[in-house]
Amino acid sequence: MAAFLKQPFAVMDMNSIINLFICFALPVVVWLLARPVLLRAQQVNPLRAQLQAFKYSAELFNRLLTDQPKFALPDEDWSIVLGNVEAGNIITMVTNPFCQPCVDTHEVLNNWLDNNLDIQVRIVFTANNDENDIRTPVARHMMALNELPDKGTVKRALHEWYGQKRKNYDDWAKGYPVNLDATKYYKIEKQKEWCDMAEVKATPTLLINGYRLPKEYQLKDIKYLLAQQ
């Protein structure tokens, strides 16, 4: 009887010992597992900061930029020119009116222009000047708006076009009435020829002063680098 009464206490004591051991051992095991990760993080974070500083070096950017192929700038006569016409930096954006990634790129450029960044932007469309190409009506309309004395009109039209969640030419065009002159349609053909010459394979394609933007950079990366040009 006495042995029976002692047995439960013996079992409880053993469980307590096991639980106590786990409580002490678990933090040690976690630390041993986490320590290599933490040490790597301590090494990686300074390295990442150094790489960022290296990336945002104006000297490195200029070297990578000028290592890219250089192309003649699209002519002012058949491209849309926005911003400071005397700016030292000219950004060429090749765009497709129905290209979703072009929306973000246009938004960045539009913000820069709104904030008086000392840049000039030239816009070229990838349209075939063909009635069967859905890009053609938009490109022709934009180029007609570009003929107006007030460049703010075509700038607003571009912003509103790319701001549409669902691109609808007819609805958009009602807000920007303009006479379409068929004798000016050659400008779309000039843009297509230039895109072929510049080996444009996708949109958006960006060039800085005629040099293709290096793949190591996104447009948003170079705002302050351009200021150091």
Foldseek 3Di string as FASTA:
>chain_A
DVVVVCVVVVVVVVVVVVVVVCVVVVVVVVCVVCVVVVVVCVVVVVVVVVVLVVVLDLVVQVVLQVVFDFDDDQDVLLWQKDADPPFPKEKEWEAQLPDLVVLVVLVVVLVCRVVRQRYMYTYFYQFDLDPVTPRNVVSQLLVQVSPDPDSVLSSVLSNVSSPDPDRDVVVSCVVPPGDGDPVSSVSNVSSNVRCVVVVPDDPTWMHMNRTTRDPVDDPVSCSVSSVVD
